[in-house]
Amino acid sequence: MKKVLSIVSVILLIIVLAILVVFILNLDKALKKQNQQKPSGSPTTQPSQPAKKPALSEPISSAKSRITKKPFGIYITPQTSPVQPEKFAGYHTGTDFETTSSEASVDVPIYAACGGKIRLQEIVQGYGGVIVQDCTLDNQPVTVLYGHLNIRQAHVLSVGQEVNARDKIAVLAPENSELSGGERKHLHLGIHKGTTLDFRGYVQNQSELSGWLDAKSYL
């Protein structure tokens, strides 16, 4: 009987030792895993990404804050237009940048939004003074139309001349003048895809807007 008890005791001791060994091994494994996950030294931070440079330069100072009446794509009629009186109707193909009352009697400079050659500089019905520039945007050729300019004081006088982004190219025309197209004092900026000139400031079908780009998205 004593011999049997002795054997049982040995077996129990072996079982307890086996359980203890398994526990120790599992604990050691858990500690190693925790140490691998714990960062060494001071915590590391991801380097901040530099701010993405706008594809277009501001064609007028504080450009975004001036888009208050006719953004790209807005549908207007003479009855619903935010500008009164209104003579146009349709989907706006450009972006209008407004002026303040304090700028009514002073020159408001206009700058090239991109680098490229001057394609055209003349008076166009509906716009008054216009400068059109050939540029590249989103890896595609575009024509950039600057409308309602006093081109008689234009800083770029020769068609075909290369200008850089932020070069001063003109000033806004006075309100209700021939050079403003009889309009309020503001800048109309239209960006048409491709190299074909398209002077339409409005289109009648929304799908036609795909031929233009929204300037605000690139500022």
C-alpha atoms as a PDB file:
ATOM      1  CA  MET A   1       0.000   0.000   0.000  1.00  0.00           C
ATOM      2  CA  LYS A   2       2.796   2.393   0.932  1.00  0.00           C
ATOM      3  CA  LYS A   3       4.493   1.571  -2.352  1.00  0.00           C
ATOM      4  CA  VAL A   4       1.333   2.497  -4.316  1.00  0.00           C
ATOM      5  CA  LEU A   5       0.987   5.793  -2.457  1.00  0.00           C
ATOM      6  CA  SER A   6       4.606   6.554  -3.175  1.00  0.00           C
ATOM      7  CA  ILE A   7       4.078   5.952  -6.884  1.00  0.00           C
ATOM      8  CA  VAL A   8       0.946   8.121  -6.897  1.00  0.00           C
ATOM      9  CA  SER A   9       2.838  10.910  -5.151  1.00  0.00           C
ATOM     10  CA  VAL A  10       5.602  10.758  -7.734  1.00  0.00           C
ATOM     11  CA  ILE A  11       3.097  10.883 -10.574  1.00  0.00           C
ATOM     12  CA  LEU A  12       1.297  13.902  -9.017  1.00  0.00           C
ATOM     13  CA  LEU A  13       4.618  15.636  -8.527  1.00  0.00           C
ATOM     14  CA  ILE A  14       5.518  15.038 -12.166  1.00  0.00           C
ATOM     15  CA  ILE A  15       2.143  16.451 -13.270  1.00  0.00           C
ATOM     16  CA  VAL A  16       2.572  19.546 -11.088  1.00  0.00           C
ATOM     17  CA  LEU A  17       6.095  20.083 -12.416  1.00  0.00           C
ATOM     18  CA  ALA A  18       4.853  19.685 -16.008  1.00  0.00           C
ATOM     19  CA  ILE A  19       2.110  22.245 -15.435  1.00  0.00           C
ATOM     20  CA  LEU A  20       4.624  24.621 -13.872  1.00  0.00           C
ATOM     21  CA  VAL A  21       7.022  24.229 -16.815  1.00  0.00           C
ATOM     22  CA  VAL A  22       4.224  24.916 -19.312  1.00  0.00           C
ATOM     23  CA  PHE A  23       3.166  28.004 -17.302  1.00  0.00           C
ATOM     24  CA  ILE A  24       6.736  29.323 -17.205  1.00  0.00           C
ATOM     25  CA  LEU A  25       7.205  28.754 -20.949  1.00  0.00           C
ATOM     26  CA  ASN A  26       3.947  30.527 -21.773  1.00  0.00           C
ATOM     27  CA  LEU A  27       4.821  33.433 -19.483  1.00  0.00           C
ATOM     28  CA  ASP A  28       8.246  33.787 -21.083  1.00  0.00           C
ATOM     29  CA  LYS A  29       6.700  33.732 -24.547  1.00  0.00           C
ATOM     30  CA  ALA A  30       4.176  36.439 -23.582  1.00  0.00           C
ATOM     31  CA  LEU A  31       6.897  38.681 -22.131  1.00  0.00           C
ATOM     32  CA  LYS A  32       9.017  38.389 -25.272  1.00  0.00           C
ATOM     33  CA  LYS A  33       6.027  39.290 -27.456  1.00  0.00           C
ATOM     34  CA  GLN A  34       5.267  42.323 -25.282  1.00  0.00           C
ATOM     35  CA  ASN A  35       8.875  43.520 -25.504  1.00  0.00           C
ATOM     36  CA  GLN A  36       8.834  43.207 -29.285  1.00  0.00           C
ATOM     37  CA  GLN A  37       5.724  45.381 -29.500  1.00  0.00           C
ATOM     38  CA  LYS A  38       7.003  48.033 -27.095  1.00  0.00           C
ATOM     39  CA  PRO A  39       8.819  50.879 -28.895  1.00  0.00           C
ATOM     40  CA  SER A  40      12.411  51.364 -27.829  1.00  0.00           C
ATOM     41  CA  GLY A  41      13.559  54.746 -26.580  1.00  0.00           C
ATOM     42  CA  SER A  42      11.411  57.809 -27.052  1.00  0.00           C
ATOM     43  CA  PRO A  43       8.202  57.424 -29.036  1.00  0.00           C
ATOM     44  CA  THR A  44       8.608  58.009 -32.750  1.00  0.00           C
ATOM     45  CA  THR A  45       6.341  60.272 -34.751  1.00  0.00           C
ATOM     46  CA  GLN A  46       5.503  60.062 -38.402  1.00  0.00           C
ATOM     47  CA  PRO A  47       7.114  62.864 -40.400  1.00  0.00           C
ATOM     48  CA  SER A  48       4.554  65.450 -41.394  1.00  0.00           C
ATOM     49  CA  GLN A  49       3.733  65.614 -45.077  1.00  0.00           C
ATOM     50  CA  PRO A  50       4.571  68.922 -46.726  1.00  0.00           C
ATOM     51  CA  ALA A  51       1.568  70.949 -47.806  1.00  0.00           C
ATOM     52  CA  LYS A  52       0.632  70.281 -51.385  1.00  0.00           C
ATOM     53  CA  LYS A  53       1.523  73.179 -53.613  1.00  0.00           C
ATOM     54  CA  PRO A  54      -1.497  74.588 -55.469  1.00  0.00           C
ATOM     55  CA  ALA A  55      -1.469  73.889 -59.195  1.00  0.00           C
ATOM     56  CA  LEU A  56      -2.530  77.475 -59.927  1.00  0.00           C
ATOM     57  CA  SER A  57      -1.256  80.738 -58.534  1.00  0.00           C
ATOM     58  CA  GLU A  58      -3.779  83.289 -57.324  1.00  0.00           C
ATOM     59  CA  PRO A  59      -4.895  85.429 -60.279  1.00  0.00           C
ATOM     60  CA  ILE A  60      -6.019  88.104 -57.816  1.00  0.00           C
ATOM     61  CA  SER A  61      -5.131  88.714 -54.174  1.00  0.00           C
ATOM     62  CA  SER A  62      -7.124  86.704 -51.593  1.00  0.00           C
ATOM     63  CA  ALA A  63      -8.664  84.806 -54.485  1.00  0.00           C
ATOM     64  CA  LYS A  64     -10.713  82.168 -52.649  1.00  0.00           C
ATOM     65  CA  SER A  65     -12.399  84.679 -50.359  1.00  0.00           C
ATOM     66  CA  ARG A  66     -13.609  86.612 -53.416  1.00  0.00           C
ATOM     67  CA  ILE A  67     -15.684  83.729 -54.830  1.00  0.00           C
ATOM     68  CA  THR A  68     -18.964  84.897 -53.343  1.00  0.00           C
ATOM     69  CA  LYS A  69     -21.493  85.223 -56.160  1.00  0.00           C
ATOM     70  CA  LYS A  70     -20.807  83.114 -59.234  1.00  0.00           C
ATOM     71  CA  PRO A  71     -18.697  80.015 -58.628  1.00  0.00           C
ATOM     72  CA  PHE A  72     -17.991  77.458 -61.310  1.00  0.00           C
ATOM     73  CA  GLY A  73     -21.037  75.487 -62.447  1.00  0.00           C
ATOM     74  CA  ILE A  74     -23.744  77.623 -60.845  1.00  0.00           C
ATOM     75  CA  TYR A  75     -26.987  77.737 -62.835  1.00  0.00           C
ATOM     76  CA  ILE A  76     -28.447  81.185 -63.177  1.00  0.00           C
ATOM     77  CA  THR A  77     -31.297  82.973 -64.893  1.00  0.00           C
ATOM     78  CA  PRO A  78     -32.108  86.692 -64.955  1.00  0.00           C
ATOM     79  CA  GLN A  79     -34.556  85.971 -62.131  1.00  0.00           C
ATOM     80  CA  THR A  80     -32.325  83.825 -59.883  1.00  0.00           C
ATOM     81  CA  SER A  81     -28.888  85.322 -60.445  1.00  0.00           C
ATOM     82  CA  PRO A  82     -27.028  86.617 -57.361  1.00  0.00           C
ATOM     83  CA  VAL A  83     -26.032  89.573 -59.543  1.00  0.00           C
ATOM     84  CA  GLN A  84     -28.768  91.999 -60.530  1.00  0.00           C
ATOM     85  CA  PRO A  85     -29.628  93.062 -63.118  1.00  0.00           C
ATOM     86  CA  GLU A  86     -28.650  89.908 -65.012  1.00  0.00           C
ATOM     87  CA  LYS A  87     -28.596  89.399 -68.774  1.00  0.00           C
ATOM     88  CA  PHE A  88     -27.226  85.845 -68.925  1.00  0.00           C
ATOM     89  CA  ALA A  89     -28.690  82.396 -68.309  1.00  0.00           C
ATOM     90  CA  GLY A  90     -27.120  78.964 -68.062  1.00  0.00           C
ATOM     91  CA  TYR A  91     -24.374  77.065 -66.240  1.00  0.00           C
ATOM     92  CA  HIS A  92     -21.367  79.230 -65.428  1.00  0.00           C
ATOM     93  CA  THR A  93     -18.212  77.902 -67.098  1.00  0.00           C
ATOM     94  CA  GLY A  94     -15.840  80.064 -65.101  1.00  0.00           C
ATOM     95  CA  THR A  95     -15.225  81.405 -61.625  1.00  0.00           C
ATOM     96  CA  ASP A  96     -15.961  85.018 -60.723  1.00  0.00           C
ATOM     97  CA  PHE A  97     -13.744  86.850 -58.247  1.00  0.00           C
ATOM     98  CA  GLU A  98     -15.466  89.878 -56.759  1.00  0.00           C
ATOM     99  CA  THR A  99     -14.002  93.221 -55.682  1.00  0.00           C
ATOM    100  CA  THR A 100     -14.743  95.283 -52.589  1.00  0.00           C
ATOM    101  CA  SER A 101     -16.246  98.751 -52.407  1.00  0.00           C
ATOM    102  CA  SER A 102     -12.838 100.129 -51.427  1.00  0.00           C
ATOM    103  CA  GLU A 103     -11.435  98.835 -54.726  1.00  0.00           C
ATOM    104  CA  ALA A 104     -14.021 100.594 -56.871  1.00  0.00           C
ATOM    105  CA  SER A 105     -11.764 103.478 -57.866  1.00  0.00           C
ATOM    106  CA  VAL A 106      -8.317 101.879 -57.621  1.00  0.00           C
ATOM    107  CA  ASP A 107      -6.394  99.575 -59.890  1.00  0.00           C
ATOM    108  CA  VAL A 108      -6.850  95.917 -58.959  1.00  0.00           C
ATOM    109  CA  PRO A 109      -3.931  93.919 -60.388  1.00  0.00           C
ATOM    110  CA  ILE A 110      -4.441  90.608 -62.153  1.00  0.00           C
ATOM    111  CA  TYR A 111      -1.699  87.988 -62.257  1.00  0.00           C
ATOM    112  CA  ALA A 112      -0.982  85.001 -64.472  1.00  0.00           C
ATOM    113  CA  ALA A 113      -2.397  81.902 -62.788  1.00  0.00           C
ATOM    114  CA  CYS A 114       0.145  79.690 -64.534  1.00  0.00           C
ATOM    115  CA  GLY A 115       3.159  79.809 -66.768  1.00  0.00           C
ATOM    116  CA  GLY A 116       2.573  79.865 -70.514  1.00  0.00           C
ATOM    117  CA  LYS A 117       2.290  81.947 -73.652  1.00  0.00           C
ATOM    118  CA  ILE A 118      -0.237  84.710 -74.245  1.00  0.00           C
ATOM    119  CA  ARG A 119      -2.617  83.453 -76.894  1.00  0.00           C
ATOM    120  CA  LEU A 120      -4.909  86.440 -77.327  1.00  0.00           C
ATOM    121  CA  GLN A 121      -5.508  89.947 -76.061  1.00  0.00           C
ATOM    122  CA  GLU A 122      -8.568  91.775 -77.364  1.00  0.00           C
ATOM    123  CA  ILE A 123     -12.086  92.973 -76.628  1.00  0.00           C
ATOM    124  CA  VAL A 124     -14.650  90.157 -76.666  1.00  0.00           C
ATOM    125  CA  GLN A 125     -18.406  90.622 -76.496  1.00  0.00           C
ATOM    126  CA  GLY A 126     -19.736  89.884 -73.014  1.00  0.00           C
ATOM    127  CA  TYR A 127     -16.331  90.224 -71.385  1.00  0.00           C
ATOM    128  CA  GLY A 128     -14.832  93.477 -72.558  1.00  0.00           C
ATOM    129  CA  GLY A 129     -11.054  93.185 -72.306  1.00  0.00           C
ATOM    130  CA  VAL A 130      -9.832  89.591 -72.456  1.00  0.00           C
ATOM    131  CA  ILE A 131      -6.456  87.883 -72.196  1.00  0.00           C
ATOM    132  CA  VAL A 132      -6.189  84.183 -73.041  1.00  0.00           C
ATOM    133  CA  GLN A 133      -3.156  82.169 -72.012  1.00  0.00           C
ATOM    134  CA  ASP A 134      -2.029  78.688 -73.048  1.00  0.00           C
ATOM    135  CA  CYS A 135      -1.096  76.595 -69.995  1.00  0.00           C
ATOM    136  CA  THR A 136      -0.747  73.008 -68.827  1.00  0.00           C
ATOM    137  CA  LEU A 137      -2.875  71.754 -65.939  1.00  0.00           C
ATOM    138  CA  ASP A 138      -3.262  68.153 -64.760  1.00  0.00           C
ATOM    139  CA  ASN A 139      -0.791  67.198 -67.487  1.00  0.00           C
ATOM    140  CA  GLN A 140      -3.143  68.427 -70.190  1.00  0.00           C
ATOM    141  CA  PRO A 141      -3.199  71.593 -72.286  1.00  0.00           C
ATOM    142  CA  VAL A 142      -5.740  74.227 -71.270  1.00  0.00           C
ATOM    143  CA  THR A 143      -6.633  77.756 -72.285  1.00  0.00           C
ATOM    144  CA  VAL A 144      -7.043  80.206 -69.413  1.00  0.00           C
ATOM    145  CA  LEU A 145      -9.372  83.134 -70.044  1.00  0.00           C
ATOM    146  CA  TYR A 146      -9.110  86.281 -67.934  1.00  0.00           C
ATOM    147  CA  GLY A 147     -12.187  88.451 -68.512  1.00  0.00           C
ATOM    148  CA  HIS A 148     -13.220  92.060 -67.758  1.00  0.00           C
ATOM    149  CA  LEU A 149      -9.704  93.501 -67.971  1.00  0.00           C
ATOM    150  CA  ASN A 150      -8.405  96.920 -68.797  1.00  0.00           C
ATOM    151  CA  ILE A 151      -6.189  95.629 -71.590  1.00  0.00           C
ATOM    152  CA  ARG A 152      -5.223  99.164 -72.533  1.00  0.00           C
ATOM    153  CA  GLN A 153      -3.085  99.101 -69.418  1.00  0.00           C
ATOM    154  CA  ALA A 154      -2.036  95.500 -69.892  1.00  0.00           C
ATOM    155  CA  HIS A 155       1.454  94.581 -68.747  1.00  0.00           C
ATOM    156  CA  VAL A 156       1.704  91.904 -71.430  1.00  0.00           C
ATOM    157  CA  LEU A 157       1.429  93.577 -74.810  1.00  0.00           C
ATOM    158  CA  SER A 158       2.569  90.947 -77.279  1.00  0.00           C
ATOM    159  CA  VAL A 159       0.732  87.790 -78.280  1.00  0.00           C
ATOM    160  CA  GLY A 160       3.065  84.809 -78.078  1.00  0.00           C
ATOM    161  CA  GLN A 161       5.007  86.233 -75.144  1.00  0.00           C
ATOM    162  CA  GLU A 162       5.888  83.740 -72.396  1.00  0.00           C
ATOM    163  CA  VAL A 163       4.826  84.758 -68.899  1.00  0.00           C
ATOM    164  CA  ASN A 164       5.414  83.092 -65.562  1.00  0.00           C
ATOM    165  CA  ALA A 165       2.883  82.356 -62.858  1.00  0.00           C
ATOM    166  CA  ARG A 166       2.334  85.417 -60.656  1.00  0.00           C
ATOM    167  CA  ASP A 167       3.500  87.836 -63.359  1.00  0.00           C
ATOM    168  CA  LYS A 168       1.248  90.881 -63.416  1.00  0.00           C
ATOM    169  CA  ILE A 169      -0.613  90.898 -66.715  1.00  0.00           C
ATOM    170  CA  ALA A 170      -3.335  93.547 -66.354  1.00  0.00           C
ATOM    171  CA  VAL A 171      -5.709  95.403 -64.040  1.00  0.00           C
ATOM    172  CA  LEU A 172      -9.471  95.048 -63.808  1.00  0.00           C
ATOM    173  CA  ALA A 173     -11.579  97.306 -66.002  1.00  0.00           C
ATOM    174  CA  PRO A 174     -13.773  99.991 -64.401  1.00  0.00           C
ATOM    175  CA  GLU A 175     -17.376  99.046 -63.657  1.00  0.00           C
ATOM    176  CA  ASN A 176     -19.940  99.406 -66.455  1.00  0.00           C
ATOM    177  CA  SER A 177     -17.272 100.350 -68.994  1.00  0.00           C
ATOM    178  CA  GLU A 178     -16.544  99.063 -72.481  1.00  0.00           C
ATOM    179  CA  LEU A 179     -13.561  97.172 -71.128  1.00  0.00           C
ATOM    180  CA  SER A 180     -15.640  95.454 -68.426  1.00  0.00           C
ATOM    181  CA  GLY A 181     -18.255  94.442 -70.982  1.00  0.00           C
ATOM    182  CA  GLY A 182     -20.758  96.690 -69.198  1.00  0.00           C
ATOM    183  CA  GLU A 183     -20.426  94.498 -66.112  1.00  0.00           C
ATOM    184  CA  ARG A 184     -19.509  95.066 -62.473  1.00  0.00           C
ATOM    185  CA  LYS A 185     -15.825  95.248 -61.607  1.00  0.00           C
ATOM    186  CA  HIS A 186     -14.709  91.639 -61.195  1.00  0.00           C
ATOM    187  CA  LEU A 187     -12.514  88.930 -62.720  1.00  0.00           C
ATOM    188  CA  HIS A 188     -13.995  86.056 -64.717  1.00  0.00           C
ATOM    189  CA  LEU A 189     -11.518  83.174 -64.915  1.00  0.00           C
ATOM    190  CA  GLY A 190     -12.380  80.346 -67.277  1.00  0.00           C
ATOM    191  CA  ILE A 191     -10.209  77.256 -67.789  1.00  0.00           C
ATOM    192  CA  HIS A 192     -11.108  75.340 -70.935  1.00  0.00           C
ATOM    193  CA  LYS A 193      -9.642  71.913 -71.652  1.00  0.00           C
ATOM    194  CA  GLY A 194      -7.552  71.576 -74.793  1.00  0.00           C
ATOM    195  CA  THR A 195      -6.174  74.226 -77.117  1.00  0.00           C
ATOM    196  CA  THR A 196      -9.430  75.298 -78.797  1.00  0.00           C
ATOM    197  CA  LEU A 197     -10.655  78.758 -77.830  1.00  0.00           C
ATOM    198  CA  ASP A 198     -14.148  78.742 -76.342  1.00  0.00           C
ATOM    199  CA  PHE A 199     -15.390  82.100 -75.114  1.00  0.00           C
ATOM    200  CA  ARG A 200     -18.716  80.871 -73.754  1.00  0.00           C
ATOM    201  CA  GLY A 201     -19.235  82.067 -70.205  1.00  0.00           C
ATOM    202  CA  TYR A 202     -22.376  79.936 -69.878  1.00  0.00           C
ATOM    203  CA  VAL A 203     -23.605  76.667 -71.370  1.00  0.00           C
ATOM    204  CA  GLN A 204     -27.184  75.463 -71.513  1.00  0.00           C
ATOM    205  CA  ASN A 205     -26.569  71.805 -70.658  1.00  0.00           C
ATOM    206  CA  GLN A 206     -24.856  70.776 -67.426  1.00  0.00           C
ATOM    207  CA  SER A 207     -22.984  68.006 -69.243  1.00  0.00           C
ATOM    208  CA  GLU A 208     -21.153  70.637 -71.277  1.00  0.00           C
ATOM    209  CA  LEU A 209     -19.366  71.822 -68.137  1.00  0.00           C
ATOM    210  CA  SER A 210     -17.052  68.820 -68.542  1.00  0.00           C
ATOM    211  CA  GLY A 211     -15.175  70.886 -71.099  1.00  0.00           C
ATOM    212  CA  TRP A 212     -13.990  73.262 -68.370  1.00  0.00           C
ATOM    213  CA  LEU A 213     -12.167  72.981 -65.049  1.00  0.00           C
ATOM    214  CA  ASP A 214     -13.104  74.528 -61.710  1.00  0.00           C
ATOM    215  CA  ALA A 215     -10.376  77.060 -60.902  1.00  0.00           C
ATOM    216  CA  LYS A 216     -11.097  76.942 -57.165  1.00  0.00           C
ATOM    217  CA  SER A 217     -10.076  73.274 -57.043  1.00  0.00           C
ATOM    218  CA  TYR A 218      -6.562  74.238 -58.147  1.00  0.00           C
ATOM    219  CA  LEU A 219      -5.962  77.259 -55.910  1.00  0.00           C
END
